[in-house]
Amino acid sequence: MALTVNESNFNEIVTKSDKLVVLDFWAEWCGPCRAISPVIEELAKEYEGKAVIGKVDVDTNEAISARYGIRNIPTVIFIKNGEIADKTVGAIPKSTLVSKIEALL
């Protein structure tokens, strides 16, 4: 299951991680976000122990969204060693996300 990342656990989950962190920025009202949500959950299971997969609700975590300049959702960012290593915007296929994760592991 993808981790719920919020302002209270952000440092613990993201900043202190020694693994690749994949964050899905989404909102309940966003149709494309709901479309890729099952894919994010599948990735969380498939990459358990290899990467940290999390979801950030933009409506309740405005500071995190602002920190990464999130303007459109869904946006998936890939953080390696504390820096953004890659980013996608929009509902993209699972194969694209897998390719990006594999390239960064």
PDB file of N, CA and C in Angstrom:
ATOM      1  N   MET A   1       0.839  -1.186   0.000  1.00  0.00           N
ATOM      2  CA  MET A   1       0.000   0.000   0.000  1.00  0.00           C
ATOM      3  C   MET A   1       0.881   1.247   0.000  1.00  0.00           C
ATOM      4  N   ALA A   2       0.519   2.199  -0.834  1.00  0.00           N
ATOM      5  CA  ALA A   2       1.262   3.453  -0.895  1.00  0.00           C
ATOM      6  C   ALA A   2       1.111   4.189   0.439  1.00  0.00           C
ATOM      7  N   LEU A   3       2.180   4.805   0.874  1.00  0.00           N
ATOM      8  CA  LEU A   3       2.162   5.552   2.129  1.00  0.00           C
ATOM      9  C   LEU A   3       1.444   6.877   1.936  1.00  0.00           C
ATOM     10  N   THR A   4       0.712   7.300   2.954  1.00  0.00           N
ATOM     11  CA  THR A   4       0.116   8.627   2.932  1.00  0.00           C
ATOM     12  C   THR A   4       1.155   9.587   3.486  1.00  0.00           C
ATOM     13  N   VAL A   5       1.613  10.479   2.638  1.00  0.00           N
ATOM     14  CA  VAL A   5       2.641  11.444   3.046  1.00  0.00           C
ATOM     15  C   VAL A   5       1.949  12.773   3.333  1.00  0.00           C
ATOM     16  N   ASN A   6       2.248  13.325   4.514  1.00  0.00           N
ATOM     17  CA  ASN A   6       1.677  14.611   4.882  1.00  0.00           C
ATOM     18  C   ASN A   6       2.750  15.461   5.562  1.00  0.00           C
ATOM     19  N   GLU A   7       2.366  16.640   5.974  1.00  0.00           N
ATOM     20  CA  GLU A   7       3.362  17.553   6.527  1.00  0.00           C
ATOM     21  C   GLU A   7       3.965  17.053   7.834  1.00  0.00           C
ATOM     22  N   SER A   8       3.242  16.231   8.575  1.00  0.00           N
ATOM     23  CA  SER A   8       3.786  15.744   9.848  1.00  0.00           C
ATOM     24  C   SER A   8       4.764  14.585   9.682  1.00  0.00           C
ATOM     25  N   ASN A   9       4.643  13.802   8.603  1.00  0.00           N
ATOM     26  CA  ASN A   9       5.559  12.668   8.429  1.00  0.00           C
ATOM     27  C   ASN A   9       6.502  12.833   7.231  1.00  0.00           C
ATOM     28  N   PHE A  10       6.453  13.963   6.558  1.00  0.00           N
ATOM     29  CA  PHE A  10       7.238  14.188   5.347  1.00  0.00           C
ATOM     30  C   PHE A  10       8.734  13.977   5.561  1.00  0.00           C
ATOM     31  N   ASN A  11       9.295  14.589   6.599  1.00  0.00           N
ATOM     32  CA  ASN A  11      10.741  14.460   6.835  1.00  0.00           C
ATOM     33  C   ASN A  11      11.141  13.015   7.071  1.00  0.00           C
ATOM     34  N   GLU A  12      10.353  12.303   7.864  1.00  0.00           N
ATOM     35  CA  GLU A  12      10.666  10.912   8.184  1.00  0.00           C
ATOM     36  C   GLU A  12      10.609  10.027   6.937  1.00  0.00           C
ATOM     37  N   ILE A  13       9.575  10.207   6.127  1.00  0.00           N
ATOM     38  CA  ILE A  13       9.383   9.338   4.965  1.00  0.00           C
ATOM     39  C   ILE A  13      10.242   9.755   3.777  1.00  0.00           C
ATOM     40  N   VAL A  14      10.328  11.041   3.515  1.00  0.00           N
ATOM     41  CA  VAL A  14      10.980  11.510   2.289  1.00  0.00           C
ATOM     42  C   VAL A  14      12.414  11.957   2.522  1.00  0.00           C
ATOM     43  N   THR A  15      12.606  12.909   3.412  1.00  0.00           N
ATOM     44  CA  THR A  15      13.927  13.512   3.598  1.00  0.00           C
ATOM     45  C   THR A  15      14.947  12.518   4.123  1.00  0.00           C
ATOM     46  N   LYS A  16      14.537  11.659   5.032  1.00  0.00           N
ATOM     47  CA  LYS A  16      15.482  10.728   5.665  1.00  0.00           C
ATOM     48  C   LYS A  16      15.626   9.403   4.917  1.00  0.00           C
ATOM     49  N   SER A  17      14.912   9.236   3.818  1.00  0.00           N
ATOM     50  CA  SER A  17      14.951   7.958   3.104  1.00  0.00           C
ATOM     51  C   SER A  17      16.257   7.788   2.332  1.00  0.00           C
ATOM     52  N   ASP A  18      16.811   6.580   2.410  1.00  0.00           N
ATOM     53  CA  ASP A  18      17.999   6.261   1.614  1.00  0.00           C
ATOM     54  C   ASP A  18      17.601   5.522   0.331  1.00  0.00           C
ATOM     55  N   LYS A  19      16.292   5.394   0.109  1.00  0.00           N
ATOM     56  CA  LYS A  19      15.768   4.733  -1.083  1.00  0.00           C
ATOM     57  C   LYS A  19      15.181   5.775  -2.035  1.00  0.00           C
ATOM     58  N   LEU A  20      14.923   5.352  -3.249  1.00  0.00           N
ATOM     59  CA  LEU A  20      14.195   6.185  -4.198  1.00  0.00           C
ATOM     60  C   LEU A  20      12.809   6.442  -3.624  1.00  0.00           C
ATOM     61  N   VAL A  21      12.354   7.700  -3.686  1.00  0.00           N
ATOM     62  CA  VAL A  21      11.018   8.057  -3.211  1.00  0.00           C
ATOM     63  C   VAL A  21      10.193   8.504  -4.418  1.00  0.00           C
ATOM     64  N   VAL A  22       9.033   7.891  -4.572  1.00  0.00           N
ATOM     65  CA  VAL A  22       8.114   8.238  -5.653  1.00  0.00           C
ATOM     66  C   VAL A  22       6.862   8.811  -4.996  1.00  0.00           C
ATOM     67  N   LEU A  23       6.560  10.081  -5.295  1.00  0.00           N
ATOM     68  CA  LEU A  23       5.401  10.731  -4.689  1.00  0.00           C
ATOM     69  C   LEU A  23       4.369  11.082  -5.748  1.00  0.00           C
ATOM     70  N   ASP A  24       3.155  10.636  -5.510  1.00  0.00           N
ATOM     71  CA  ASP A  24       2.019  10.937  -6.372  1.00  0.00           C
ATOM     72  C   ASP A  24       1.253  12.086  -5.725  1.00  0.00           C
ATOM     73  N   PHE A  25       1.233  13.239  -6.377  1.00  0.00           N
ATOM     74  CA  PHE A  25       0.456  14.382  -5.904  1.00  0.00           C
ATOM     75  C   PHE A  25      -0.911  14.296  -6.556  1.00  0.00           C
ATOM     76  N   TRP A  26      -1.965  14.269  -5.743  1.00  0.00           N
ATOM     77  CA  TRP A  26      -3.307  13.987  -6.217  1.00  0.00           C
ATOM     78  C   TRP A  26      -4.341  14.740  -5.386  1.00  0.00           C
ATOM     79  N   ALA A  27      -5.609  14.638  -5.790  1.00  0.00           N
ATOM     80  CA  ALA A  27      -6.744  15.163  -5.022  1.00  0.00           C
ATOM     81  C   ALA A  27      -7.951  14.265  -5.286  1.00  0.00           C
ATOM     82  N   GLU A  28      -8.813  14.189  -4.312  1.00  0.00           N
ATOM     83  CA  GLU A  28     -10.008  13.336  -4.391  1.00  0.00           C
ATOM     84  C   GLU A  28     -10.887  13.702  -5.589  1.00  0.00           C
ATOM     85  N   TRP A  29     -11.007  14.968  -5.894  1.00  0.00           N
ATOM     86  CA  TRP A  29     -11.898  15.449  -6.949  1.00  0.00           C
ATOM     87  C   TRP A  29     -11.311  15.308  -8.359  1.00  0.00           C
ATOM     88  N   CYS A  30     -10.086  14.859  -8.471  1.00  0.00           N
ATOM     89  CA  CYS A  30      -9.359  14.803  -9.744  1.00  0.00           C
ATOM     90  C   CYS A  30      -9.564  13.446 -10.427  1.00  0.00           C
ATOM     91  N   GLY A  31     -10.276  13.437 -11.557  1.00  0.00           N
ATOM     92  CA  GLY A  31     -10.539  12.201 -12.290  1.00  0.00           C
ATOM     93  C   GLY A  31      -9.280  11.469 -12.726  1.00  0.00           C
ATOM     94  N   PRO A  32      -8.332  12.150 -13.395  1.00  0.00           N
ATOM     95  CA  PRO A  32      -7.095  11.464 -13.795  1.00  0.00           C
ATOM     96  C   PRO A  32      -6.301  10.927 -12.599  1.00  0.00           C
ATOM     97  N   CYS A  33      -6.393  11.606 -11.462  1.00  0.00           N
ATOM     98  CA  CYS A  33      -5.713  11.127 -10.252  1.00  0.00           C
ATOM     99  C   CYS A  33      -6.307   9.793  -9.811  1.00  0.00           C
ATOM    100  N   ARG A  34      -7.632   9.714  -9.837  1.00  0.00           N
ATOM    101  CA  ARG A  34      -8.297   8.465  -9.463  1.00  0.00           C
ATOM    102  C   ARG A  34      -7.960   7.364 -10.460  1.00  0.00           C
ATOM    103  N   ALA A  35      -7.740   7.738 -11.721  1.00  0.00           N
ATOM    104  CA  ALA A  35      -7.421   6.747 -12.756  1.00  0.00           C
ATOM    105  C   ALA A  35      -6.055   6.100 -12.510  1.00  0.00           C
ATOM    106  N   ILE A  36      -5.070   6.870 -12.038  1.00  0.00           N
ATOM    107  CA  ILE A  36      -3.746   6.275 -11.825  1.00  0.00           C
ATOM    108  C   ILE A  36      -3.548   5.745 -10.409  1.00  0.00           C
ATOM    109  N   SER A  37      -4.487   5.994  -9.527  1.00  0.00           N
ATOM    110  CA  SER A  37      -4.355   5.540  -8.142  1.00  0.00           C
ATOM    111  C   SER A  37      -4.116   4.034  -8.025  1.00  0.00           C
ATOM    112  N   PRO A  38      -4.853   3.182  -8.762  1.00  0.00           N
ATOM    113  CA  PRO A  38      -4.578   1.737  -8.670  1.00  0.00           C
ATOM    114  C   PRO A  38      -3.159   1.386  -9.131  1.00  0.00           C
ATOM    115  N   VAL A  39      -2.646   2.117 -10.105  1.00  0.00           N
ATOM    116  CA  VAL A  39      -1.285   1.882 -10.592  1.00  0.00           C
ATOM    117  C   VAL A  39      -0.272   2.213  -9.493  1.00  0.00           C
ATOM    118  N   ILE A  40      -0.494   3.309  -8.806  1.00  0.00           N
ATOM    119  CA  ILE A  40       0.399   3.708  -7.707  1.00  0.00           C
ATOM    120  C   ILE A  40       0.389   2.622  -6.626  1.00  0.00           C
ATOM    121  N   GLU A  41      -0.789   2.084  -6.316  1.00  0.00           N
ATOM    122  CA  GLU A  41      -0.892   1.026  -5.312  1.00  0.00           C
ATOM    123  C   GLU A  41      -0.152  -0.237  -5.765  1.00  0.00           C
ATOM    124  N   GLU A  42      -0.267  -0.582  -7.049  1.00  0.00           N
ATOM    125  CA  GLU A  42       0.454  -1.747  -7.580  1.00  0.00           C
ATOM    126  C   GLU A  42       1.963  -1.543  -7.465  1.00  0.00           C
ATOM    127  N   LEU A  43       2.422  -0.349  -7.798  1.00  0.00           N
ATOM    128  CA  LEU A  43       3.853  -0.050  -7.719  1.00  0.00           C
ATOM    129  C   LEU A  43       4.351  -0.148  -6.283  1.00  0.00           C
ATOM    130  N   ALA A  44       3.531   0.291  -5.333  1.00  0.00           N
ATOM    131  CA  ALA A  44       3.913   0.221  -3.919  1.00  0.00           C
ATOM    132  C   ALA A  44       4.161  -1.229  -3.510  1.00  0.00           C
ATOM    133  N   LYS A  45       3.330  -2.144  -3.994  1.00  0.00           N
ATOM    134  CA  LYS A  45       3.508  -3.559  -3.677  1.00  0.00           C
ATOM    135  C   LYS A  45       4.720  -4.135  -4.404  1.00  0.00           C
ATOM    136  N   GLU A  46       4.833  -3.815  -5.681  1.00  0.00           N
ATOM    137  CA  GLU A  46       5.898  -4.383  -6.508  1.00  0.00           C
ATOM    138  C   GLU A  46       7.299  -3.902  -6.095  1.00  0.00           C
ATOM    139  N   TYR A  47       7.387  -2.681  -5.591  1.00  0.00           N
ATOM    140  CA  TYR A  47       8.697  -2.124  -5.245  1.00  0.00           C
ATOM    141  C   TYR A  47       8.915  -2.017  -3.735  1.00  0.00           C
ATOM    142  N   GLU A  48       8.104  -2.728  -2.966  1.00  0.00           N
ATOM    143  CA  GLU A  48       8.264  -2.725  -1.513  1.00  0.00           C
ATOM    144  C   GLU A  48       9.684  -3.176  -1.153  1.00  0.00           C
ATOM    145  N   GLY A  49      10.354  -2.388  -0.322  1.00  0.00           N
ATOM    146  CA  GLY A  49      11.716  -2.687   0.080  1.00  0.00           C
ATOM    147  C   GLY A  49      12.770  -2.114  -0.856  1.00  0.00           C
ATOM    148  N   LYS A  50      12.359  -1.743  -2.062  1.00  0.00           N
ATOM    149  CA  LYS A  50      13.298  -1.177  -3.037  1.00  0.00           C
ATOM    150  C   LYS A  50      13.124   0.329  -3.194  1.00  0.00           C
ATOM    151  N   ALA A  51      11.885   0.785  -3.092  1.00  0.00           N
ATOM    152  CA  ALA A  51      11.561   2.197  -3.246  1.00  0.00           C
ATOM    153  C   ALA A  51      10.419   2.545  -2.297  1.00  0.00           C
ATOM    154  N   VAL A  52      10.322   3.816  -1.944  1.00  0.00           N
ATOM    155  CA  VAL A  52       9.234   4.308  -1.110  1.00  0.00           C
ATOM    156  C   VAL A  52       8.218   4.952  -2.047  1.00  0.00           C
ATOM    157  N   ILE A  53       6.995   4.443  -2.037  1.00  0.00           N
ATOM    158  CA  ILE A  53       5.936   4.970  -2.891  1.00  0.00           C
ATOM    159  C   ILE A  53       4.903   5.633  -1.984  1.00  0.00           C
ATOM    160  N   GLY A  54       4.647   6.913  -2.229  1.00  0.00           N
ATOM    161  CA  GLY A  54       3.714   7.642  -1.378  1.00  0.00           C
ATOM    162  C   GLY A  54       2.761   8.511  -2.169  1.00  0.00           C
ATOM    163  N   LYS A  55       1.705   8.929  -1.479  1.00  0.00           N
ATOM    164  CA  LYS A  55       0.692   9.794  -2.070  1.00  0.00           C
ATOM    165  C   LYS A  55       0.564  11.049  -1.222  1.00  0.00           C
ATOM    166  N   VAL A  56       0.500  12.198  -1.885  1.00  0.00           N
ATOM    167  CA  VAL A  56       0.357  13.481  -1.207  1.00  0.00           C
ATOM    168  C   VAL A  56      -0.930  14.141  -1.699  1.00  0.00           C
ATOM    169  N   ASP A  57      -1.878  14.335  -0.802  1.00  0.00           N
ATOM    170  CA  ASP A  57      -3.135  15.015  -1.138  1.00  0.00           C
ATOM    171  C   ASP A  57      -2.837  16.513  -1.188  1.00  0.00           C
ATOM    172  N   VAL A  58      -2.962  17.114  -2.374  1.00  0.00           N
ATOM    173  CA  VAL A  58      -2.598  18.525  -2.530  1.00  0.00           C
ATOM    174  C   VAL A  58      -3.532  19.458  -1.768  1.00  0.00           C
ATOM    175  N   ASP A  59      -4.759  19.020  -1.521  1.00  0.00           N
ATOM    176  CA  ASP A  59      -5.711  19.874  -0.811  1.00  0.00           C
ATOM    177  C   ASP A  59      -5.381  20.018   0.667  1.00  0.00           C
ATOM    178  N   THR A  60      -4.758  19.022   1.257  1.00  0.00           N
ATOM    179  CA  THR A  60      -4.459  19.079   2.693  1.00  0.00           C
ATOM    180  C   THR A  60      -2.974  19.252   2.997  1.00  0.00           C
ATOM    181  N   ASN A  61      -2.147  19.294   1.964  1.00  0.00           N
ATOM    182  CA  ASN A  61      -0.697  19.429   2.152  1.00  0.00           C
ATOM    183  C   ASN A  61      -0.128  20.496   1.220  1.00  0.00           C
ATOM    184  N   GLU A  62      -0.638  21.700   1.380  1.00  0.00           N
ATOM    185  CA  GLU A  62      -0.263  22.791   0.487  1.00  0.00           C
ATOM    186  C   GLU A  62       1.220  23.135   0.562  1.00  0.00           C
ATOM    187  N   ALA A  63       1.827  23.018   1.727  1.00  0.00           N
ATOM    188  CA  ALA A  63       3.243  23.369   1.870  1.00  0.00           C
ATOM    189  C   ALA A  63       4.135  22.419   1.064  1.00  0.00           C
ATOM    190  N   ILE A  64       3.801  21.128   1.094  1.00  0.00           N
ATOM    191  CA  ILE A  64       4.592  20.155   0.327  1.00  0.00           C
ATOM    192  C   ILE A  64       4.399  20.415  -1.163  1.00  0.00           C
ATOM    193  N   SER A  65       3.161  20.664  -1.562  1.00  0.00           N
ATOM    194  CA  SER A  65       2.877  20.941  -2.970  1.00  0.00           C
ATOM    195  C   SER A  65       3.623  22.185  -3.439  1.00  0.00           C
ATOM    196  N   ALA A  66       3.637  23.216  -2.617  1.00  0.00           N
ATOM    197  CA  ALA A  66       4.344  24.449  -2.971  1.00  0.00           C
ATOM    198  C   ALA A  66       5.853  24.218  -3.035  1.00  0.00           C
ATOM    199  N   ARG A  67       6.371  23.416  -2.124  1.00  0.00           N
ATOM    200  CA  ARG A  67       7.808  23.120  -2.091  1.00  0.00           C
ATOM    201  C   ARG A  67       8.297  22.543  -3.417  1.00  0.00           C
ATOM    202  N   TYR A  68       7.465  21.708  -4.037  1.00  0.00           N
ATOM    203  CA  TYR A  68       7.839  21.065  -5.291  1.00  0.00           C
ATOM    204  C   TYR A  68       7.209  21.727  -6.517  1.00  0.00           C
ATOM    205  N   GLY A  69       6.570  22.862  -6.318  1.00  0.00           N
ATOM    206  CA  GLY A  69       6.006  23.608  -7.442  1.00  0.00           C
ATOM    207  C   GLY A  69       4.921  22.861  -8.197  1.00  0.00           C
ATOM    208  N   ILE A  70       4.102  22.109  -7.474  1.00  0.00           N
ATOM    209  CA  ILE A  70       3.039  21.327  -8.106  1.00  0.00           C
ATOM    210  C   ILE A  70       1.923  22.277  -8.550  1.00  0.00           C
ATOM    211  N   ARG A  71       1.670  22.320  -9.850  1.00  0.00           N
ATOM    212  CA  ARG A  71       0.636  23.189 -10.408  1.00  0.00           C
ATOM    213  C   ARG A  71      -0.473  22.381 -11.082  1.00  0.00           C
ATOM    214  N   ASN A  72      -0.155  21.189 -11.551  1.00  0.00           N
ATOM    215  CA  ASN A  72      -1.123  20.322 -12.214  1.00  0.00           C
ATOM    216  C   ASN A  72      -1.075  18.956 -11.536  1.00  0.00           C
ATOM    217  N   ILE A  73      -2.232  18.303 -11.492  1.00  0.00           N
ATOM    218  CA  ILE A  73      -2.266  16.955 -10.925  1.00  0.00           C
ATOM    219  C   ILE A  73      -2.994  16.044 -11.896  1.00  0.00           C
ATOM    220  N   PRO A  74      -2.669  14.781 -11.910  1.00  0.00           N
ATOM    221  CA  PRO A  74      -1.653  14.154 -11.069  1.00  0.00           C
ATOM    222  C   PRO A  74      -0.237  14.500 -11.545  1.00  0.00           C
ATOM    223  N   THR A  75       0.638  14.690 -10.573  1.00  0.00           N
ATOM    224  CA  THR A  75       2.067  14.840 -10.831  1.00  0.00           C
ATOM    225  C   THR A  75       2.767  13.792  -9.998  1.00  0.00           C
ATOM    226  N   VAL A  76       3.688  13.066 -10.602  1.00  0.00           N
ATOM    227  CA  VAL A  76       4.489  12.081  -9.885  1.00  0.00           C
ATOM    228  C   VAL A  76       5.932  12.559  -9.944  1.00  0.00           C
ATOM    229  N   ILE A  77       6.530  12.721  -8.754  1.00  0.00           N
ATOM    230  CA  ILE A  77       7.940  13.115  -8.722  1.00  0.00           C
ATOM    231  C   ILE A  77       8.769  11.969  -8.157  1.00  0.00           C
ATOM    232  N   PHE A  78       9.989  11.890  -8.635  1.00  0.00           N
ATOM    233  CA  PHE A  78      10.925  10.838  -8.253  1.00  0.00           C
ATOM    234  C   PHE A  78      12.083  11.527  -7.541  1.00  0.00           C
ATOM    235  N   ILE A  79      12.275  11.215  -6.267  1.00  0.00           N
ATOM    236  CA  ILE A  79      13.299  11.871  -5.458  1.00  0.00           C
ATOM    237  C   ILE A  79      14.389  10.868  -5.120  1.00  0.00           C
ATOM    238  N   LYS A  80      15.609  11.217  -5.478  1.00  0.00           N
ATOM    239  CA  LYS A  80      16.759  10.367  -5.189  1.00  0.00           C
ATOM    240  C   LYS A  80      17.807  11.224  -4.497  1.00  0.00           C
ATOM    241  N   ASN A  81      18.281  10.754  -3.356  1.00  0.00           N
ATOM    242  CA  ASN A  81      19.266  11.493  -2.567  1.00  0.00           C
ATOM    243  C   ASN A  81      18.793  12.909  -2.242  1.00  0.00           C
ATOM    244  N   GLY A  82      17.492  13.040  -1.966  1.00  0.00           N
ATOM    245  CA  GLY A  82      16.934  14.320  -1.555  1.00  0.00           C
ATOM    246  C   GLY A  82      16.645  15.305  -2.678  1.00  0.00           C
ATOM    247  N   GLU A  83      16.960  14.940  -3.907  1.00  0.00           N
ATOM    248  CA  GLU A  83      16.757  15.832  -5.052  1.00  0.00           C
ATOM    249  C   GLU A  83      15.755  15.228  -6.032  1.00  0.00           C
ATOM    250  N   ILE A  84      15.025  16.085  -6.744  1.00  0.00           N
ATOM    251  CA  ILE A  84      14.120  15.593  -7.777  1.00  0.00           C
ATOM    252  C   ILE A  84      14.957  15.048  -8.925  1.00  0.00           C
ATOM    253  N   ALA A  85      14.774  13.771  -9.218  1.00  0.00           N
ATOM    254  CA  ALA A  85      15.522  13.119 -10.286  1.00  0.00           C
ATOM    255  C   ALA A  85      14.697  13.026 -11.568  1.00  0.00           C
ATOM    256  N   ASP A  86      13.359  13.062 -11.428  1.00  0.00           N
ATOM    257  CA  ASP A  86      12.483  12.980 -12.590  1.00  0.00           C
ATOM    258  C   ASP A  86      11.088  13.409 -12.156  1.00  0.00           C
ATOM    259  N   LYS A  87      10.226  13.660 -13.142  1.00  0.00           N
ATOM    260  CA  LYS A  87       8.879  14.137 -12.847  1.00  0.00           C
ATOM    261  C   LYS A  87       7.978  13.830 -14.030  1.00  0.00           C
ATOM    262  N   THR A  88       6.736  13.454 -13.752  1.00  0.00           N
ATOM    263  CA  THR A  88       5.744  13.272 -14.807  1.00  0.00           C
ATOM    264  C   THR A  88       4.492  14.045 -14.419  1.00  0.00           C
ATOM    265  N   VAL A  89       3.770  14.519 -15.416  1.00  0.00           N
ATOM    266  CA  VAL A  89       2.522  15.240 -15.180  1.00  0.00           C
ATOM    267  C   VAL A  89       1.440  14.588 -16.031  1.00  0.00           C
ATOM    268  N   GLY A  90       0.303  14.322 -15.412  1.00  0.00           N
ATOM    269  CA  GLY A  90      -0.816  13.718 -16.128  1.00  0.00           C
ATOM    270  C   GLY A  90      -0.929  12.232 -15.836  1.00  0.00           C
ATOM    271  N   ALA A  91      -2.015  11.665 -16.311  1.00  0.00           N
ATOM    272  CA  ALA A  91      -2.261  10.232 -16.134  1.00  0.00           C
ATOM    273  C   ALA A  91      -1.468   9.485 -17.200  1.00  0.00           C
ATOM    274  N   ILE A  92      -0.359   8.923 -16.792  1.00  0.00           N
ATOM    275  CA  ILE A  92       0.519   8.226 -17.726  1.00  0.00           C
ATOM    276  C   ILE A  92       0.445   6.722 -17.483  1.00  0.00           C
ATOM    277  N   PRO A  93       0.846   5.927 -18.460  1.00  0.00           N
ATOM    278  CA  PRO A  93       0.757   4.468 -18.302  1.00  0.00           C
ATOM    279  C   PRO A  93       1.727   3.925 -17.255  1.00  0.00           C
ATOM    280  N   LYS A  94       1.349   2.799 -16.690  1.00  0.00           N
ATOM    281  CA  LYS A  94       2.192   2.139 -15.696  1.00  0.00           C
ATOM    282  C   LYS A  94       3.578   1.852 -16.257  1.00  0.00           C
ATOM    283  N   SER A  95       3.650   1.460 -17.513  1.00  0.00           N
ATOM    284  CA  SER A  95       4.944   1.116 -18.113  1.00  0.00           C
ATOM    285  C   SER A  95       5.918   2.303 -18.075  1.00  0.00           C
ATOM    286  N   THR A  96       5.402   3.505 -18.215  1.00  0.00           N
ATOM    287  CA  THR A  96       6.251   4.694 -18.161  1.00  0.00           C
ATOM    288  C   THR A  96       6.795   4.892 -16.755  1.00  0.00           C
ATOM    289  N   LEU A  97       5.938   4.716 -15.758  1.00  0.00           N
ATOM    290  CA  LEU A  97       6.381   4.855 -14.366  1.00  0.00           C
ATOM    291  C   LEU A  97       7.415   3.784 -14.014  1.00  0.00           C
ATOM    292  N   VAL A  98       7.158   2.551 -14.451  1.00  0.00           N
ATOM    293  CA  VAL A  98       8.090   1.451 -14.185  1.00  0.00           C
ATOM    294  C   VAL A  98       9.445   1.761 -14.820  1.00  0.00           C
ATOM    295  N   SER A  99       9.455   2.242 -16.038  1.00  0.00           N
ATOM    296  CA  SER A  99      10.710   2.573 -16.722  1.00  0.00           C
ATOM    297  C   SER A  99      11.496   3.625 -15.959  1.00  0.00           C
ATOM    298  N   LYS A 100      10.798   4.631 -15.467  1.00  0.00           N
ATOM    299  CA  LYS A 100      11.468   5.705 -14.719  1.00  0.00           C
ATOM    300  C   LYS A 100      12.008   5.179 -13.383  1.00  0.00           C
ATOM    301  N   ILE A 101      11.234   4.345 -12.695  1.00  0.00           N
ATOM    302  CA  ILE A 101      11.694   3.780 -11.431  1.00  0.00           C
ATOM    303  C   ILE A 101      12.915   2.907 -11.669  1.00  0.00           C
ATOM    304  N   GLU A 102      12.836   2.021 -12.643  1.00  0.00           N
ATOM    305  CA  GLU A 102      13.947   1.115 -12.931  1.00  0.00           C
ATOM    306  C   GLU A 102      15.226   1.883 -13.277  1.00  0.00           C
ATOM    307  N   ALA A 103      15.090   2.973 -14.011  1.00  0.00           N
ATOM    308  CA  ALA A 103      16.248   3.776 -14.406  1.00  0.00           C
ATOM    309  C   ALA A 103      16.910   4.445 -13.209  1.00  0.00           C
ATOM    310  N   LEU A 104      16.122   4.695 -12.156  1.00  0.00           N
ATOM    311  CA  LEU A 104      16.656   5.404 -10.986  1.00  0.00           C
ATOM    312  C   LEU A 104      17.085   4.484  -9.835  1.00  0.00           C
ATOM    313  N   LEU A 105      16.714   3.217  -9.895  1.00  0.00           N
ATOM    314  CA  LEU A 105      17.084   2.302  -8.802  1.00  0.00           C
ATOM    315  C   LEU A 105      18.565   1.968  -8.841  1.00  0.00           C
TER     316      LEU A 105
END
